[in-house]
Amino acid sequence: MGAVLETLPITILAAAIAVTMFGGFVKGAVGFALPLIMMSGLAAILPPEVALAGLIIPAMVANMWQAFRQGLGGAVESVKRHWPFIGIVLVCMAISAQLVLSLPQWLFFTVIGVPISLYSALQLLGWQLRVPTERRRLAVWLFGGLAGVFGGFSAIFGPPTVAYLISLDTEKSEQVRVQGMVYFLGNVLLFGSHLRSGVLNADTIPFSLMMVVPAMLGMWIGFQVQDRMDRATFLKATLVVLLLAGLNLVRRGVM
């Protein structure tokens, strides 16, 4: 068993399990926010590198489940329809993981968090941002670049990806599948990167593997909620979570 699990007090381990299960529930219900919730919660009780290691494997498994929940055919069709966006995310993430470390974290979190918060709040107040067909290529580059850079910097892809899919008025199950595929492929890339960086090692991998179980349990419960939501309720719930995610990023930038 890894050194992390051997040295963790039972109360800290229980708190980590609770945070992970809650993150899984939110992800199952609206399709994203597991890494955001886990990183925010675990980093409050564990060293940042252990918190990051802890979320990588649960997030990868959760996103694989989300992407292929309706079968391989649905996932393949979603990739075909959104492959430019997915490709831009992965390329920008691979580049930004190497380059963006030179930027002050407070600046990066603030630059991303403020527009995401404003976008979500305005949507909840009734303002509708919809991308016309002739502007779709611009939206792909803008949101895909943001998601990729942010994913490479913080392992959090969700806010720009969700904003992109909502702006295209994407159907609920399609939105969830595309999110799952983007995040899964990104997590595979991050998994390899952090094996090389040393964040994932013999001490931290057992802890990350242990967090898979509460994440999957929470996600299963969240799926039950998602399946019962109509499209309007799903959109509102997604925007509320997106707003909270944006405000949390702003908090990390200014504190």
C-alpha atoms as a PDB file:
ATOM      1  CA  MET A   1       0.000   0.000   0.000  1.00  0.00           C
ATOM      2  CA  GLY A   2       1.285   3.487  -0.863  1.00  0.00           C
ATOM      3  CA  ALA A   3       2.800   5.754   1.749  1.00  0.00           C
ATOM      4  CA  VAL A   4      -0.048   8.254   1.379  1.00  0.00           C
ATOM      5  CA  LEU A   5      -2.671   5.762   2.524  1.00  0.00           C
ATOM      6  CA  GLU A   6      -0.425   4.433   5.290  1.00  0.00           C
ATOM      7  CA  THR A   7       0.046   7.877   6.832  1.00  0.00           C
ATOM      8  CA  LEU A   8      -3.400   9.432   6.348  1.00  0.00           C
ATOM      9  CA  PRO A   9      -5.454   9.846   9.529  1.00  0.00           C
ATOM     10  CA  ILE A  10      -8.808   8.102   9.271  1.00  0.00           C
ATOM     11  CA  THR A  11     -10.668  11.416   9.563  1.00  0.00           C
ATOM     12  CA  ILE A  12      -8.769  12.903   6.602  1.00  0.00           C
ATOM     13  CA  LEU A  13      -9.358   9.753   4.552  1.00  0.00           C
ATOM     14  CA  ALA A  14     -13.082   9.852   5.365  1.00  0.00           C
ATOM     15  CA  ALA A  15     -13.235  13.515   4.342  1.00  0.00           C
ATOM     16  CA  ALA A  16     -11.445  12.714   1.060  1.00  0.00           C
ATOM     17  CA  ILE A  17     -13.947   9.934   0.348  1.00  0.00           C
ATOM     18  CA  ALA A  18     -16.889  12.258   1.079  1.00  0.00           C
ATOM     19  CA  VAL A  19     -15.512  15.005  -1.195  1.00  0.00           C
ATOM     20  CA  THR A  20     -14.915  12.494  -3.988  1.00  0.00           C
ATOM     21  CA  MET A  21     -18.373  10.977  -3.698  1.00  0.00           C
ATOM     22  CA  PHE A  22     -19.979  14.418  -3.826  1.00  0.00           C
ATOM     23  CA  GLY A  23     -17.902  15.291  -6.883  1.00  0.00           C
ATOM     24  CA  GLY A  24     -19.016  12.063  -8.542  1.00  0.00           C
ATOM     25  CA  PHE A  25     -22.648  12.876  -7.775  1.00  0.00           C
ATOM     26  CA  VAL A  26     -22.411  16.332  -9.363  1.00  0.00           C
ATOM     27  CA  LYS A  27     -20.630  14.899 -12.410  1.00  0.00           C
ATOM     28  CA  GLY A  28     -23.283  12.218 -12.833  1.00  0.00           C
ATOM     29  CA  ALA A  29     -26.049  14.806 -12.572  1.00  0.00           C
ATOM     30  CA  VAL A  30     -24.683  17.500 -14.929  1.00  0.00           C
ATOM     31  CA  GLY A  31     -21.684  15.909 -16.679  1.00  0.00           C
ATOM     32  CA  PHE A  32     -18.741  17.823 -15.220  1.00  0.00           C
ATOM     33  CA  ALA A  33     -17.081  19.344 -12.115  1.00  0.00           C
ATOM     34  CA  LEU A  34     -15.546  16.184 -10.572  1.00  0.00           C
ATOM     35  CA  PRO A  35     -11.929  17.440 -10.887  1.00  0.00           C
ATOM     36  CA  LEU A  36     -12.970  20.935  -9.809  1.00  0.00           C
ATOM     37  CA  ILE A  37     -14.692  19.666  -6.651  1.00  0.00           C
ATOM     38  CA  MET A  38     -11.988  17.126  -5.849  1.00  0.00           C
ATOM     39  CA  MET A  39      -9.135  19.577  -6.351  1.00  0.00           C
ATOM     40  CA  SER A  40     -10.835  22.262  -4.268  1.00  0.00           C
ATOM     41  CA  GLY A  41     -11.819  19.850  -1.491  1.00  0.00           C
ATOM     42  CA  LEU A  42      -8.745  17.634  -1.345  1.00  0.00           C
ATOM     43  CA  ALA A  43      -6.286  20.523  -1.565  1.00  0.00           C
ATOM     44  CA  ALA A  44      -7.825  21.920   1.616  1.00  0.00           C
ATOM     45  CA  ILE A  45      -6.811  18.807   3.581  1.00  0.00           C
ATOM     46  CA  LEU A  46      -3.892  17.348   1.606  1.00  0.00           C
ATOM     47  CA  PRO A  47      -0.737  18.625  -0.123  1.00  0.00           C
ATOM     48  CA  PRO A  48      -1.601  19.956  -3.631  1.00  0.00           C
ATOM     49  CA  GLU A  49       0.413  17.288  -5.451  1.00  0.00           C
ATOM     50  CA  VAL A  50      -1.381  14.522  -3.518  1.00  0.00           C
ATOM     51  CA  ALA A  51      -4.760  16.146  -4.256  1.00  0.00           C
ATOM     52  CA  LEU A  52      -3.892  16.277  -7.965  1.00  0.00           C
ATOM     53  CA  ALA A  53      -2.743  12.648  -7.978  1.00  0.00           C
ATOM     54  CA  GLY A  54      -5.887  11.612  -6.136  1.00  0.00           C
ATOM     55  CA  LEU A  55      -8.236  12.967  -8.787  1.00  0.00           C
ATOM     56  CA  ILE A  56      -6.481  11.727 -11.942  1.00  0.00           C
ATOM     57  CA  ILE A  57      -7.522   8.058 -11.991  1.00  0.00           C
ATOM     58  CA  PRO A  58     -11.113   8.572 -10.693  1.00  0.00           C
ATOM     59  CA  ALA A  59     -11.623  11.334 -13.263  1.00  0.00           C
ATOM     60  CA  MET A  60     -10.305   9.138 -16.081  1.00  0.00           C
ATOM     61  CA  VAL A  61     -12.573   6.218 -15.137  1.00  0.00           C
ATOM     62  CA  ALA A  62     -15.584   8.495 -14.616  1.00  0.00           C
ATOM     63  CA  ASN A  63     -15.130  10.157 -17.984  1.00  0.00           C
ATOM     64  CA  MET A  64     -14.786   6.822 -19.750  1.00  0.00           C
ATOM     65  CA  TRP A  65     -18.083   5.703 -18.183  1.00  0.00           C
ATOM     66  CA  GLN A  66     -19.747   8.978 -19.142  1.00  0.00           C
ATOM     67  CA  ALA A  67     -18.475   8.896 -22.730  1.00  0.00           C
ATOM     68  CA  PHE A  68     -19.535   5.307 -23.413  1.00  0.00           C
ATOM     69  CA  ARG A  69     -22.664   5.113 -21.256  1.00  0.00           C
ATOM     70  CA  GLN A  70     -24.936   5.030 -24.341  1.00  0.00           C
ATOM     71  CA  GLY A  71     -22.627   2.613 -26.133  1.00  0.00           C
ATOM     72  CA  LEU A  72     -19.690   2.835 -28.521  1.00  0.00           C
ATOM     73  CA  GLY A  73     -21.856   3.979 -31.444  1.00  0.00           C
ATOM     74  CA  GLY A  74     -23.117   7.088 -29.674  1.00  0.00           C
ATOM     75  CA  ALA A  75     -19.606   8.015 -28.553  1.00  0.00           C
ATOM     76  CA  VAL A  76     -18.215   7.603 -32.079  1.00  0.00           C
ATOM     77  CA  GLU A  77     -20.984   9.777 -33.573  1.00  0.00           C
ATOM     78  CA  SER A  78     -20.334  12.486 -30.979  1.00  0.00           C
ATOM     79  CA  VAL A  79     -16.624  12.478 -31.818  1.00  0.00           C
ATOM     80  CA  LYS A  80     -17.402  12.751 -35.540  1.00  0.00           C
ATOM     81  CA  ARG A  81     -19.616  15.785 -34.963  1.00  0.00           C
ATOM     82  CA  HIS A  82     -17.205  17.559 -32.628  1.00  0.00           C
ATOM     83  CA  TRP A  83     -13.760  16.305 -33.674  1.00  0.00           C
ATOM     84  CA  PRO A  84     -12.353  19.801 -34.467  1.00  0.00           C
ATOM     85  CA  PHE A  85     -13.173  20.992 -30.962  1.00  0.00           C
ATOM     86  CA  ILE A  86     -11.779  17.829 -29.342  1.00  0.00           C
ATOM     87  CA  GLY A  87      -8.597  18.037 -31.434  1.00  0.00           C
ATOM     88  CA  ILE A  88      -7.987  21.689 -30.535  1.00  0.00           C
ATOM     89  CA  VAL A  89      -8.502  20.947 -26.836  1.00  0.00           C
ATOM     90  CA  LEU A  90      -5.931  18.132 -26.857  1.00  0.00           C
ATOM     91  CA  VAL A  91      -3.317  20.041 -28.881  1.00  0.00           C
ATOM     92  CA  CYS A  92      -3.644  23.193 -26.770  1.00  0.00           C
ATOM     93  CA  MET A  93      -3.516  21.139 -23.585  1.00  0.00           C
ATOM     94  CA  ALA A  94      -0.316  19.368 -24.633  1.00  0.00           C
ATOM     95  CA  ILE A  95       1.329  22.705 -25.454  1.00  0.00           C
ATOM     96  CA  SER A  96       0.051  24.626 -22.436  1.00  0.00           C
ATOM     97  CA  ALA A  97       1.175  21.950 -20.005  1.00  0.00           C
ATOM     98  CA  GLN A  98       4.722  22.880 -20.986  1.00  0.00           C
ATOM     99  CA  LEU A  99       4.401  26.641 -21.452  1.00  0.00           C
ATOM    100  CA  VAL A 100       1.779  27.986 -19.110  1.00  0.00           C
ATOM    101  CA  LEU A 101       3.738  27.241 -15.921  1.00  0.00           C
ATOM    102  CA  SER A 102       5.437  30.612 -16.369  1.00  0.00           C
ATOM    103  CA  LEU A 103       2.137  32.491 -15.904  1.00  0.00           C
ATOM    104  CA  PRO A 104       1.068  33.638 -12.422  1.00  0.00           C
ATOM    105  CA  GLN A 105      -1.682  31.291 -11.225  1.00  0.00           C
ATOM    106  CA  TRP A 106      -3.796  34.155  -9.860  1.00  0.00           C
ATOM    107  CA  LEU A 107      -3.892  35.795 -13.295  1.00  0.00           C
ATOM    108  CA  PHE A 108      -4.842  32.608 -15.098  1.00  0.00           C
ATOM    109  CA  PHE A 109      -7.630  31.650 -12.703  1.00  0.00           C
ATOM    110  CA  THR A 110      -9.058  35.173 -12.770  1.00  0.00           C
ATOM    111  CA  VAL A 111      -8.932  35.519 -16.562  1.00  0.00           C
ATOM    112  CA  ILE A 112     -10.889  32.271 -16.961  1.00  0.00           C
ATOM    113  CA  GLY A 113     -13.160  32.556 -13.918  1.00  0.00           C
ATOM    114  CA  VAL A 114     -14.545  36.055 -14.517  1.00  0.00           C
ATOM    115  CA  PRO A 115     -15.973  35.487 -18.021  1.00  0.00           C
ATOM    116  CA  ILE A 116     -17.291  32.039 -17.083  1.00  0.00           C
ATOM    117  CA  SER A 117     -19.072  33.511 -14.050  1.00  0.00           C
ATOM    118  CA  LEU A 118     -20.546  36.379 -16.081  1.00  0.00           C
ATOM    119  CA  TYR A 119     -21.623  34.038 -18.872  1.00  0.00           C
ATOM    120  CA  SER A 120     -23.376  31.656 -16.468  1.00  0.00           C
ATOM    121  CA  ALA A 121     -25.069  34.460 -14.517  1.00  0.00           C
ATOM    122  CA  LEU A 122     -26.369  36.140 -17.680  1.00  0.00           C
ATOM    123  CA  GLN A 123     -27.677  32.815 -19.011  1.00  0.00           C
ATOM    124  CA  LEU A 124     -29.504  32.174 -15.737  1.00  0.00           C
ATOM    125  CA  LEU A 125     -31.014  35.681 -15.945  1.00  0.00           C
ATOM    126  CA  GLY A 126     -32.419  34.913 -19.384  1.00  0.00           C
ATOM    127  CA  TRP A 127     -29.769  36.160 -21.811  1.00  0.00           C
ATOM    128  CA  GLN A 128     -29.143  33.582 -24.513  1.00  0.00           C
ATOM    129  CA  LEU A 129     -25.789  33.134 -26.243  1.00  0.00           C
ATOM    130  CA  ARG A 130     -26.239  30.971 -29.300  1.00  0.00           C
ATOM    131  CA  VAL A 131     -23.560  30.535 -31.960  1.00  0.00           C
ATOM    132  CA  PRO A 132     -24.924  30.798 -35.536  1.00  0.00           C
ATOM    133  CA  THR A 133     -23.704  28.267 -38.057  1.00  0.00           C
ATOM    134  CA  GLU A 134     -21.419  30.752 -39.817  1.00  0.00           C
ATOM    135  CA  ARG A 135     -19.648  31.534 -36.519  1.00  0.00           C
ATOM    136  CA  ARG A 136     -19.205  27.967 -35.349  1.00  0.00           C
ATOM    137  CA  ARG A 137     -15.587  27.705 -36.479  1.00  0.00           C
ATOM    138  CA  LEU A 138     -14.684  30.744 -34.387  1.00  0.00           C
ATOM    139  CA  ALA A 139     -16.455  29.225 -31.358  1.00  0.00           C
ATOM    140  CA  VAL A 140     -14.554  25.970 -31.838  1.00  0.00           C
ATOM    141  CA  TRP A 141     -11.205  27.753 -31.782  1.00  0.00           C
ATOM    142  CA  LEU A 142     -12.115  30.114 -28.932  1.00  0.00           C
ATOM    143  CA  PHE A 143     -13.701  27.630 -26.525  1.00  0.00           C
ATOM    144  CA  GLY A 144     -11.453  24.738 -27.578  1.00  0.00           C
ATOM    145  CA  GLY A 145      -8.327  26.819 -27.010  1.00  0.00           C
ATOM    146  CA  LEU A 146      -9.545  27.974 -23.598  1.00  0.00           C
ATOM    147  CA  ALA A 147     -10.477  24.444 -22.531  1.00  0.00           C
ATOM    148  CA  GLY A 148      -7.143  23.051 -23.698  1.00  0.00           C
ATOM    149  CA  VAL A 149      -4.996  25.710 -22.074  1.00  0.00           C
ATOM    150  CA  PHE A 150      -6.945  25.516 -18.846  1.00  0.00           C
ATOM    151  CA  GLY A 151      -6.842  21.715 -18.865  1.00  0.00           C
ATOM    152  CA  GLY A 152      -3.087  21.682 -19.340  1.00  0.00           C
ATOM    153  CA  PHE A 153      -2.638  24.198 -16.552  1.00  0.00           C
ATOM    154  CA  SER A 154      -4.994  22.837 -13.911  1.00  0.00           C
ATOM    155  CA  ALA A 155      -6.495  19.498 -15.126  1.00  0.00           C
ATOM    156  CA  ILE A 156      -9.915  21.247 -15.158  1.00  0.00           C
ATOM    157  CA  PHE A 157     -11.530  21.248 -18.609  1.00  0.00           C
ATOM    158  CA  GLY A 158     -15.160  21.745 -17.696  1.00  0.00           C
ATOM    159  CA  PRO A 159     -16.198  25.417 -17.776  1.00  0.00           C
ATOM    160  CA  PRO A 160     -15.108  26.357 -21.337  1.00  0.00           C
ATOM    161  CA  THR A 161     -16.307  22.999 -22.714  1.00  0.00           C
ATOM    162  CA  VAL A 162     -19.745  23.360 -21.141  1.00  0.00           C
ATOM    163  CA  ALA A 163     -20.035  26.976 -22.313  1.00  0.00           C
ATOM    164  CA  TYR A 164     -19.222  25.843 -25.871  1.00  0.00           C
ATOM    165  CA  LEU A 165     -21.823  23.060 -25.880  1.00  0.00           C
ATOM    166  CA  ILE A 166     -24.545  25.275 -24.371  1.00  0.00           C
ATOM    167  CA  SER A 167     -23.827  28.013 -26.933  1.00  0.00           C
ATOM    168  CA  LEU A 168     -24.498  25.447 -29.692  1.00  0.00           C
ATOM    169  CA  ASP A 169     -27.805  24.468 -28.021  1.00  0.00           C
ATOM    170  CA  THR A 170     -26.558  20.879 -27.779  1.00  0.00           C
ATOM    171  CA  GLU A 171     -29.069  18.183 -26.815  1.00  0.00           C
ATOM    172  CA  LYS A 172     -28.697  16.835 -23.253  1.00  0.00           C
ATOM    173  CA  SER A 173     -27.370  13.327 -23.912  1.00  0.00           C
ATOM    174  CA  GLU A 174     -25.099  14.606 -26.689  1.00  0.00           C
ATOM    175  CA  GLN A 175     -23.712  17.286 -24.375  1.00  0.00           C
ATOM    176  CA  VAL A 176     -22.916  14.736 -21.689  1.00  0.00           C
ATOM    177  CA  ARG A 177     -21.289  12.312 -24.173  1.00  0.00           C
ATOM    178  CA  VAL A 178     -19.082  14.991 -25.746  1.00  0.00           C
ATOM    179  CA  GLN A 179     -17.982  16.213 -22.339  1.00  0.00           C
ATOM    180  CA  GLY A 180     -17.102  12.664 -21.325  1.00  0.00           C
ATOM    181  CA  MET A 181     -15.050  12.068 -24.470  1.00  0.00           C
ATOM    182  CA  VAL A 182     -13.155  15.374 -24.228  1.00  0.00           C
ATOM    183  CA  TYR A 183     -12.365  14.839 -20.566  1.00  0.00           C
ATOM    184  CA  PHE A 184     -11.480  11.151 -20.994  1.00  0.00           C
ATOM    185  CA  LEU A 185      -8.976  11.777 -23.780  1.00  0.00           C
ATOM    186  CA  GLY A 186      -7.550  14.707 -21.846  1.00  0.00           C
ATOM    187  CA  ASN A 187      -7.233  12.592 -18.714  1.00  0.00           C
ATOM    188  CA  VAL A 188      -5.364   9.880 -20.634  1.00  0.00           C
ATOM    189  CA  LEU A 189      -2.890  12.536 -21.766  1.00  0.00           C
ATOM    190  CA  LEU A 190      -2.574  13.889 -18.216  1.00  0.00           C
ATOM    191  CA  PHE A 191      -2.148  10.388 -16.793  1.00  0.00           C
ATOM    192  CA  GLY A 192       0.892   9.826 -18.982  1.00  0.00           C
ATOM    193  CA  SER A 193       2.251  13.296 -18.267  1.00  0.00           C
ATOM    194  CA  HIS A 194       2.016  12.878 -14.510  1.00  0.00           C
ATOM    195  CA  LEU A 195       3.568   9.432 -14.568  1.00  0.00           C
ATOM    196  CA  ARG A 196       6.563  11.191 -16.095  1.00  0.00           C
ATOM    197  CA  SER A 197       6.362  14.187 -13.760  1.00  0.00           C
ATOM    198  CA  GLY A 198       6.305  11.961 -10.677  1.00  0.00           C
ATOM    199  CA  VAL A 199       2.950  13.211  -9.354  1.00  0.00           C
ATOM    200  CA  LEU A 200       1.640   9.677  -9.921  1.00  0.00           C
ATOM    201  CA  ASN A 201       4.014   7.267  -8.206  1.00  0.00           C
ATOM    202  CA  ALA A 202       4.077   4.230  -5.944  1.00  0.00           C
ATOM    203  CA  ASP A 203       3.022   6.392  -2.997  1.00  0.00           C
ATOM    204  CA  THR A 204       0.097   8.232  -4.622  1.00  0.00           C
ATOM    205  CA  ILE A 205      -1.363   5.719  -7.110  1.00  0.00           C
ATOM    206  CA  PRO A 206      -2.982   3.514  -4.405  1.00  0.00           C
ATOM    207  CA  PHE A 207      -4.706   6.597  -2.971  1.00  0.00           C
ATOM    208  CA  SER A 208      -5.966   7.589  -6.433  1.00  0.00           C
ATOM    209  CA  LEU A 209      -7.220   4.049  -7.051  1.00  0.00           C
ATOM    210  CA  MET A 210      -9.076   4.061  -3.724  1.00  0.00           C
ATOM    211  CA  MET A 211     -10.918   7.248  -4.752  1.00  0.00           C
ATOM    212  CA  VAL A 212     -12.354   5.461  -7.818  1.00  0.00           C
ATOM    213  CA  VAL A 213     -14.956   3.622  -5.723  1.00  0.00           C
ATOM    214  CA  PRO A 214     -16.601   6.667  -4.044  1.00  0.00           C
ATOM    215  CA  ALA A 215     -16.422   8.594  -7.323  1.00  0.00           C
ATOM    216  CA  MET A 216     -18.266   5.830  -9.182  1.00  0.00           C
ATOM    217  CA  LEU A 217     -20.865   5.435  -6.442  1.00  0.00           C
ATOM    218  CA  GLY A 218     -21.564   9.157  -6.398  1.00  0.00           C
ATOM    219  CA  MET A 219     -21.687   9.238 -10.191  1.00  0.00           C
ATOM    220  CA  TRP A 220     -24.186   6.372 -10.328  1.00  0.00           C
ATOM    221  CA  ILE A 221     -26.494   8.272  -7.961  1.00  0.00           C
ATOM    222  CA  GLY A 222     -26.029  11.413 -10.060  1.00  0.00           C
ATOM    223  CA  PHE A 223     -26.963   9.528 -13.241  1.00  0.00           C
ATOM    224  CA  GLN A 224     -30.300   8.615 -11.655  1.00  0.00           C
ATOM    225  CA  VAL A 225     -30.960  12.312 -11.087  1.00  0.00           C
ATOM    226  CA  GLN A 226     -29.846  13.274 -14.602  1.00  0.00           C
ATOM    227  CA  ASP A 227     -32.107  10.681 -16.231  1.00  0.00           C
ATOM    228  CA  ARG A 228     -35.140  12.175 -14.481  1.00  0.00           C
ATOM    229  CA  MET A 229     -34.395  15.791 -15.444  1.00  0.00           C
ATOM    230  CA  ASP A 230     -36.030  17.388 -18.480  1.00  0.00           C
ATOM    231  CA  ARG A 231     -33.868  19.492 -20.779  1.00  0.00           C
ATOM    232  CA  ALA A 232     -34.775  22.847 -19.196  1.00  0.00           C
ATOM    233  CA  THR A 233     -34.017  21.619 -15.681  1.00  0.00           C
ATOM    234  CA  PHE A 234     -30.771  20.020 -16.858  1.00  0.00           C
ATOM    235  CA  LEU A 235     -29.678  23.276 -18.507  1.00  0.00           C
ATOM    236  CA  LYS A 236     -30.476  25.302 -15.391  1.00  0.00           C
ATOM    237  CA  ALA A 237     -28.637  22.844 -13.128  1.00  0.00           C
ATOM    238  CA  THR A 238     -25.644  22.898 -15.475  1.00  0.00           C
ATOM    239  CA  LEU A 239     -25.530  26.691 -15.457  1.00  0.00           C
ATOM    240  CA  VAL A 240     -25.753  26.821 -11.658  1.00  0.00           C
ATOM    241  CA  VAL A 241     -22.804  24.430 -11.337  1.00  0.00           C
ATOM    242  CA  LEU A 242     -20.934  26.375 -14.028  1.00  0.00           C
ATOM    243  CA  LEU A 243     -21.526  29.635 -12.134  1.00  0.00           C
ATOM    244  CA  LEU A 244     -20.243  28.103  -8.887  1.00  0.00           C
ATOM    245  CA  ALA A 245     -17.224  26.722 -10.750  1.00  0.00           C
ATOM    246  CA  GLY A 246     -16.466  30.135 -12.232  1.00  0.00           C
ATOM    247  CA  LEU A 247     -16.784  31.877  -8.871  1.00  0.00           C
ATOM    248  CA  ASN A 248     -14.476  29.271  -7.319  1.00  0.00           C
ATOM    249  CA  LEU A 249     -11.875  30.003  -9.984  1.00  0.00           C
ATOM    250  CA  VAL A 250     -12.131  33.708  -9.247  1.00  0.00           C
ATOM    251  CA  ARG A 251     -11.721  32.930  -5.537  1.00  0.00           C
ATOM    252  CA  ARG A 252      -8.555  30.961  -6.278  1.00  0.00           C
ATOM    253  CA  GLY A 253      -7.285  33.880  -8.334  1.00  0.00           C
ATOM    254  CA  VAL A 254      -7.779  36.608  -5.736  1.00  0.00           C
ATOM    255  CA  MET A 255      -7.039  34.681  -2.515  1.00  0.00           C
END
